[in-house]
């Protein structure tokens, strides 16, 4: 049974040259690039990029609007928290006190 024979340098070089010629042949067979198709692809890419940029800007604007609304709500809540209640007249204070007293009596189940 014959043993494995290592290829010589000349054989390896010949195989490499054949592979190179085959690759060059495939490259020569390719049709040339059509400028109209290339221009259409560039336009499509530019349109897609513009649409993405517009969507990104709209999202950023919505985020800014939401942030502004949140700050406005917080300022409004703080203003309400810091606002003084209106001064009650003596009659209104007495009516409120009587209402609390009556509610307490009802809760306790007074007889």
N, C-alpha and C. Protein backbone atom coordinates (compact mmCIF):
# COMPACT_ATOMS: atom_id res chain seq x y z
N UNK A 1 0.84 -1.16 0.00
CA UNK A 1 0.00 0.00 0.00
C UNK A 1 0.90 1.24 0.00
N UNK A 2 0.64 2.17 -0.93
CA UNK A 2 1.52 3.35 -0.99
C UNK A 2 1.19 4.33 0.14
N UNK A 3 2.19 4.95 0.65
CA UNK A 3 1.99 5.92 1.72
C UNK A 3 1.64 7.29 1.13
N UNK A 4 1.17 8.21 1.98
CA UNK A 4 0.79 9.54 1.53
C UNK A 4 2.02 10.28 1.06
N UNK A 5 1.89 10.93 -0.10
CA UNK A 5 3.01 11.66 -0.68
C UNK A 5 2.77 13.15 -0.51
N UNK A 6 3.68 13.83 0.14
CA UNK A 6 3.58 15.28 0.31
C UNK A 6 3.74 15.94 -1.05
N UNK A 7 2.85 16.93 -1.39
CA UNK A 7 3.02 17.61 -2.69
C UNK A 7 4.27 18.49 -2.65
N UNK A 8 4.95 18.55 -3.76
CA UNK A 8 6.18 19.34 -3.83
C UNK A 8 5.82 20.82 -3.98
N UNK A 9 6.83 21.66 -3.90
CA UNK A 9 6.62 23.10 -4.01
C UNK A 9 6.05 23.45 -5.38
N UNK A 10 6.55 22.81 -6.43
CA UNK A 10 6.06 23.10 -7.77
C UNK A 10 4.58 22.72 -7.92
N UNK A 11 4.19 21.61 -7.32
CA UNK A 11 2.78 21.18 -7.40
C UNK A 11 1.88 22.16 -6.65
N UNK A 12 2.32 22.59 -5.46
CA UNK A 12 1.53 23.55 -4.70
C UNK A 12 1.42 24.88 -5.43
N UNK A 13 2.52 25.31 -6.07
CA UNK A 13 2.50 26.57 -6.83
C UNK A 13 1.58 26.45 -8.03
N UNK A 14 1.59 25.32 -8.70
CA UNK A 14 0.71 25.12 -9.86
C UNK A 14 -0.76 25.16 -9.43
N UNK A 15 -1.10 24.52 -8.29
CA UNK A 15 -2.47 24.54 -7.78
C UNK A 15 -2.89 25.97 -7.41
N UNK A 16 -1.96 26.72 -6.83
CA UNK A 16 -2.24 28.11 -6.45
C UNK A 16 -2.49 28.96 -7.69
N UNK A 17 -1.66 28.76 -8.72
CA UNK A 17 -1.85 29.52 -9.97
C UNK A 17 -3.18 29.18 -10.62
N UNK A 18 -3.57 27.92 -10.59
CA UNK A 18 -4.86 27.51 -11.17
C UNK A 18 -6.02 28.17 -10.41
N UNK A 19 -5.93 28.18 -9.10
CA UNK A 19 -6.99 28.79 -8.29
C UNK A 19 -7.07 30.29 -8.57
N UNK A 20 -5.91 30.94 -8.72
CA UNK A 20 -5.89 32.37 -9.01
C UNK A 20 -6.52 32.66 -10.37
N UNK A 21 -6.17 31.85 -11.37
CA UNK A 21 -6.73 32.05 -12.71
C UNK A 21 -8.24 31.82 -12.71
N UNK A 22 -8.70 30.84 -11.94
CA UNK A 22 -10.13 30.57 -11.85
C UNK A 22 -10.86 31.76 -11.21
N UNK A 23 -10.29 32.33 -10.13
CA UNK A 23 -10.90 33.48 -9.45
C UNK A 23 -10.92 34.69 -10.38
N UNK A 24 -9.84 34.91 -11.12
CA UNK A 24 -9.81 36.03 -12.06
C UNK A 24 -10.84 35.85 -13.17
N UNK A 25 -11.01 34.62 -13.62
CA UNK A 25 -12.01 34.33 -14.65
C UNK A 25 -13.41 34.65 -14.16
N UNK A 26 -13.71 34.27 -12.92
CA UNK A 26 -15.02 34.59 -12.35
C UNK A 26 -15.22 36.10 -12.24
N UNK A 27 -14.16 36.81 -11.87
CA UNK A 27 -14.24 38.26 -11.74
C UNK A 27 -14.49 38.92 -13.09
N UNK A 28 -13.86 38.41 -14.13
CA UNK A 28 -14.04 38.96 -15.48
C UNK A 28 -15.44 38.69 -16.01
N UNK A 29 -16.05 37.59 -15.56
CA UNK A 29 -17.38 37.23 -16.04
C UNK A 29 -18.47 38.11 -15.45
N UNK A 30 -18.19 38.78 -14.34
CA UNK A 30 -19.20 39.62 -13.71
C UNK A 30 -19.60 40.76 -14.64
N UNK A 31 -20.90 41.07 -14.69
CA UNK A 31 -21.31 42.20 -15.52
C UNK A 31 -20.88 43.51 -14.87
N UNK A 32 -20.66 44.54 -15.66
CA UNK A 32 -20.25 45.81 -15.08
C UNK A 32 -21.40 46.42 -14.27
N UNK A 33 -21.06 47.26 -13.32
CA UNK A 33 -22.05 47.90 -12.45
C UNK A 33 -22.82 48.94 -13.26
N UNK A 34 -24.15 48.85 -13.20
CA UNK A 34 -25.00 49.80 -13.92
C UNK A 34 -25.15 51.05 -13.05
N UNK A 35 -24.80 52.20 -13.59
CA UNK A 35 -24.85 53.44 -12.83
C UNK A 35 -26.28 53.81 -12.43
N UNK A 36 -27.26 53.50 -13.26
CA UNK A 36 -28.65 53.83 -12.94
C UNK A 36 -29.12 53.02 -11.71
N UNK A 37 -28.76 51.75 -11.68
CA UNK A 37 -29.13 50.91 -10.54
C UNK A 37 -28.42 51.40 -9.28
N UNK A 38 -27.16 51.75 -9.43
CA UNK A 38 -26.39 52.26 -8.30
C UNK A 38 -26.98 53.57 -7.78
N UNK A 39 -27.38 54.47 -8.68
CA UNK A 39 -27.98 55.74 -8.27
C UNK A 39 -29.32 55.50 -7.57
N UNK A 40 -30.12 54.55 -8.07
CA UNK A 40 -31.40 54.24 -7.44
C UNK A 40 -31.17 53.68 -6.03
N UNK A 41 -30.18 52.86 -5.87
CA UNK A 41 -29.87 52.30 -4.55
C UNK A 41 -29.43 53.40 -3.60
N UNK A 42 -28.63 54.34 -4.10
CA UNK A 42 -28.19 55.46 -3.25
C UNK A 42 -29.38 56.32 -2.83
N UNK A 43 -30.31 56.57 -3.76
CA UNK A 43 -31.50 57.36 -3.44
C UNK A 43 -32.35 56.65 -2.39
N UNK A 44 -32.51 55.34 -2.55
CA UNK A 44 -33.30 54.57 -1.59
C UNK A 44 -32.65 54.62 -0.21
N UNK A 45 -31.33 54.51 -0.19
CA UNK A 45 -30.61 54.57 1.08
C UNK A 45 -30.77 55.95 1.72
N UNK A 46 -30.67 57.01 0.92
CA UNK A 46 -30.82 58.37 1.45
C UNK A 46 -32.24 58.59 1.98
N UNK A 47 -33.25 58.06 1.26
CA UNK A 47 -34.64 58.21 1.70
C UNK A 47 -34.85 57.47 3.02
N UNK A 48 -34.28 56.27 3.12
CA UNK A 48 -34.42 55.49 4.35
C UNK A 48 -33.75 56.21 5.52
N UNK A 49 -32.57 56.77 5.29
CA UNK A 49 -31.87 57.52 6.33
C UNK A 49 -32.66 58.75 6.75
N UNK A 50 -33.28 59.44 5.78
CA UNK A 50 -34.08 60.62 6.10
C UNK A 50 -35.29 60.23 6.94
N UNK A 51 -35.93 59.12 6.59
CA UNK A 51 -37.10 58.66 7.35
C UNK A 51 -36.69 58.29 8.77
N UNK A 52 -35.57 57.62 8.91
CA UNK A 52 -35.09 57.26 10.25
C UNK A 52 -34.76 58.50 11.08
N UNK A 53 -34.14 59.49 10.44
CA UNK A 53 -33.80 60.72 11.15
C UNK A 53 -35.06 61.46 11.58
N UNK A 54 -36.07 61.48 10.71
CA UNK A 54 -37.33 62.13 11.04
C UNK A 54 -38.02 61.42 12.21
N UNK A 55 -38.02 60.10 12.19
CA UNK A 55 -38.62 59.34 13.28
C UNK A 55 -37.86 59.58 14.58
N UNK A 56 -36.54 59.64 14.49
CA UNK A 56 -35.71 59.89 15.67
C UNK A 56 -36.00 61.28 16.24
N UNK A 57 -36.14 62.28 15.37
CA UNK A 57 -36.45 63.63 15.82
C UNK A 57 -37.84 63.70 16.45
N UNK A 58 -38.80 63.00 15.85
CA UNK A 58 -40.16 63.00 16.40
C UNK A 58 -40.17 62.35 17.78
N UNK A 59 -39.42 61.26 17.93
CA UNK A 59 -39.35 60.59 19.23
C UNK A 59 -38.70 61.50 20.27
N UNK A 60 -37.64 62.20 19.86
CA UNK A 60 -36.96 63.11 20.78
C UNK A 60 -37.89 64.26 21.18
N UNK A 61 -38.65 64.78 20.22
CA UNK A 61 -39.58 65.87 20.52
C UNK A 61 -40.68 65.39 21.46
N UNK A 62 -41.18 64.17 21.25
CA UNK A 62 -42.21 63.62 22.13
C UNK A 62 -41.66 63.46 23.54
N UNK A 63 -40.42 63.00 23.65
CA UNK A 63 -39.80 62.85 24.96
C UNK A 63 -39.65 64.20 25.66
N UNK A 64 -39.24 65.22 24.90
CA UNK A 64 -39.09 66.55 25.47
C UNK A 64 -40.45 67.11 25.91
N UNK A 65 -41.49 66.88 25.10
CA UNK A 65 -42.83 67.34 25.44
C UNK A 65 -43.31 66.66 26.73
N UNK A 66 -43.07 65.35 26.81
CA UNK A 66 -43.47 64.60 28.01
C UNK A 66 -42.73 65.11 29.24
N UNK A 67 -41.45 65.41 29.06
CA UNK A 67 -40.65 65.92 30.17
C UNK A 67 -41.17 67.28 30.62
N UNK A 68 -41.51 68.15 29.65
CA UNK A 68 -42.04 69.48 29.99
C UNK A 68 -43.38 69.35 30.71
N UNK A 69 -44.25 68.44 30.25
CA UNK A 69 -45.54 68.24 30.91
C UNK A 69 -45.35 67.73 32.34
N UNK A 70 -44.38 66.83 32.51
CA UNK A 70 -44.11 66.29 33.84
C UNK A 70 -43.62 67.39 34.78
N UNK A 71 -42.75 68.26 34.28
CA UNK A 71 -42.26 69.38 35.09
C UNK A 71 -43.40 70.34 35.43
N UNK A 72 -44.30 70.57 34.47
CA UNK A 72 -45.43 71.46 34.72
C UNK A 72 -46.35 70.87 35.79
N UNK A 73 -46.60 69.55 35.70
CA UNK A 73 -47.45 68.90 36.71
C UNK A 73 -46.79 68.98 38.08
N UNK A 74 -45.47 68.78 38.14
CA UNK A 74 -44.76 68.85 39.42
C UNK A 74 -44.83 70.26 39.99
N UNK A 75 -44.67 71.27 39.14
CA UNK A 75 -44.73 72.66 39.61
C UNK A 75 -46.14 72.98 40.10
N UNK A 76 -47.14 72.49 39.39
CA UNK A 76 -48.53 72.72 39.80
C UNK A 76 -48.81 72.05 41.15
N UNK A 77 -48.34 70.82 41.31
CA UNK A 77 -48.54 70.10 42.56
C UNK A 77 -47.84 70.82 43.71
N UNK A 78 -46.65 71.33 43.45
CA UNK A 78 -45.91 72.05 44.49
C UNK A 78 -46.62 73.35 44.84
N UNK A 79 -47.16 74.02 43.83
CA UNK A 79 -47.88 75.27 44.09
C UNK A 79 -49.13 74.98 44.93
N UNK A 80 -49.82 73.89 44.61
CA UNK A 80 -51.00 73.54 45.40
C UNK A 80 -50.62 73.17 46.84
N UNK A 81 -49.49 72.50 47.00
CA UNK A 81 -49.07 72.09 48.34
C UNK A 81 -48.67 73.30 49.18
N UNK A 82 -48.08 74.30 48.54
CA UNK A 82 -47.63 75.48 49.26
C UNK A 82 -48.70 76.55 49.41
N UNK A 83 -49.81 76.38 48.72
CA UNK A 83 -50.87 77.40 48.77
C UNK A 83 -51.56 77.36 50.13
N UNK A 84 -51.90 78.54 50.63
CA UNK A 84 -52.60 78.64 51.91
C UNK A 84 -54.08 78.39 51.67
N UNK A 85 -54.71 77.69 52.58
CA UNK A 85 -56.15 77.53 52.43
C UNK A 85 -56.83 78.88 52.65
N UNK A 86 -57.95 79.10 52.03
CA UNK A 86 -58.62 80.38 52.20
C UNK A 86 -59.09 80.55 53.65
N UNK A 87 -59.06 81.77 54.10
CA UNK A 87 -59.48 82.08 55.47
C UNK A 87 -60.99 81.86 55.59
N UNK A 88 -61.38 81.13 56.63
CA UNK A 88 -62.80 80.87 56.85
C UNK A 88 -63.37 81.90 57.82
N UNK A 89 -64.60 82.20 57.62
CA UNK A 89 -65.28 83.09 58.56
C UNK A 89 -65.62 82.31 59.83
N UNK A 90 -66.01 83.05 60.86
CA UNK A 90 -66.36 82.38 62.12
C UNK A 90 -67.53 81.43 61.94
N UNK A 91 -68.50 81.82 61.13
CA UNK A 91 -69.68 80.97 60.91
C UNK A 91 -69.28 79.68 60.19
N UNK A 92 -68.36 79.81 59.22
CA UNK A 92 -67.92 78.61 58.49
C UNK A 92 -67.11 77.69 59.40
N UNK A 93 -66.27 78.27 60.26
CA UNK A 93 -65.50 77.47 61.21
C UNK A 93 -66.44 76.71 62.15
N UNK A 94 -67.49 77.40 62.65
CA UNK A 94 -68.44 76.77 63.55
C UNK A 94 -69.19 75.65 62.85
N UNK A 95 -69.56 75.86 61.56
CA UNK A 95 -70.28 74.83 60.80
C UNK A 95 -69.38 73.61 60.59
N UNK A 96 -68.11 73.82 60.32
CA UNK A 96 -67.18 72.71 60.12
C UNK A 96 -66.98 71.95 61.42
N UNK A 97 -66.85 72.69 62.52
CA UNK A 97 -66.67 72.05 63.83
C UNK A 97 -67.91 71.23 64.20
N UNK A 98 -69.08 71.77 63.95
CA UNK A 98 -70.32 71.05 64.24
C UNK A 98 -70.44 69.79 63.39
N UNK A 99 -69.99 69.88 62.14
CA UNK A 99 -70.06 68.71 61.24
C UNK A 99 -69.12 67.62 61.74
N UNK A 100 -67.94 68.01 62.20
CA UNK A 100 -67.00 67.01 62.74
C UNK A 100 -67.57 66.36 64.00
N UNK A 101 -68.16 67.17 64.85
CA UNK A 101 -68.75 66.67 66.09
C UNK A 101 -69.87 65.68 65.79
N UNK A 102 -70.73 66.03 64.84
CA UNK A 102 -71.84 65.16 64.47
C UNK A 102 -71.32 63.85 63.87
N UNK A 103 -70.29 63.94 63.03
CA UNK A 103 -69.72 62.74 62.41
C UNK A 103 -69.12 61.83 63.48
N UNK A 104 -68.47 62.40 64.49
CA UNK A 104 -67.88 61.60 65.55
C UNK A 104 -68.97 60.90 66.36
N UNK A 105 -70.04 61.61 66.64
CA UNK A 105 -71.15 61.01 67.38
C UNK A 105 -71.75 59.85 66.61
N UNK A 106 -71.88 60.01 65.29
CA UNK A 106 -72.47 58.95 64.46
C UNK A 106 -71.53 57.74 64.44
N UNK A 107 -70.23 57.99 64.34
CA UNK A 107 -69.26 56.89 64.30
C UNK A 107 -69.27 56.09 65.60
N UNK A 108 -69.33 56.79 66.70
CA UNK A 108 -69.30 56.11 67.99
C UNK A 108 -70.63 55.42 68.30
N UNK A 109 -71.66 55.79 67.57
CA UNK A 109 -72.95 55.16 67.79
C UNK A 109 -73.60 55.67 69.06
N UNK A 110 -73.56 56.94 69.23
CA UNK A 110 -74.14 57.56 70.41
C UNK A 110 -75.61 57.22 70.54
N UNK A 111 -76.09 57.05 71.80
CA UNK A 111 -77.47 56.62 72.01
C UNK A 111 -78.38 57.74 72.14
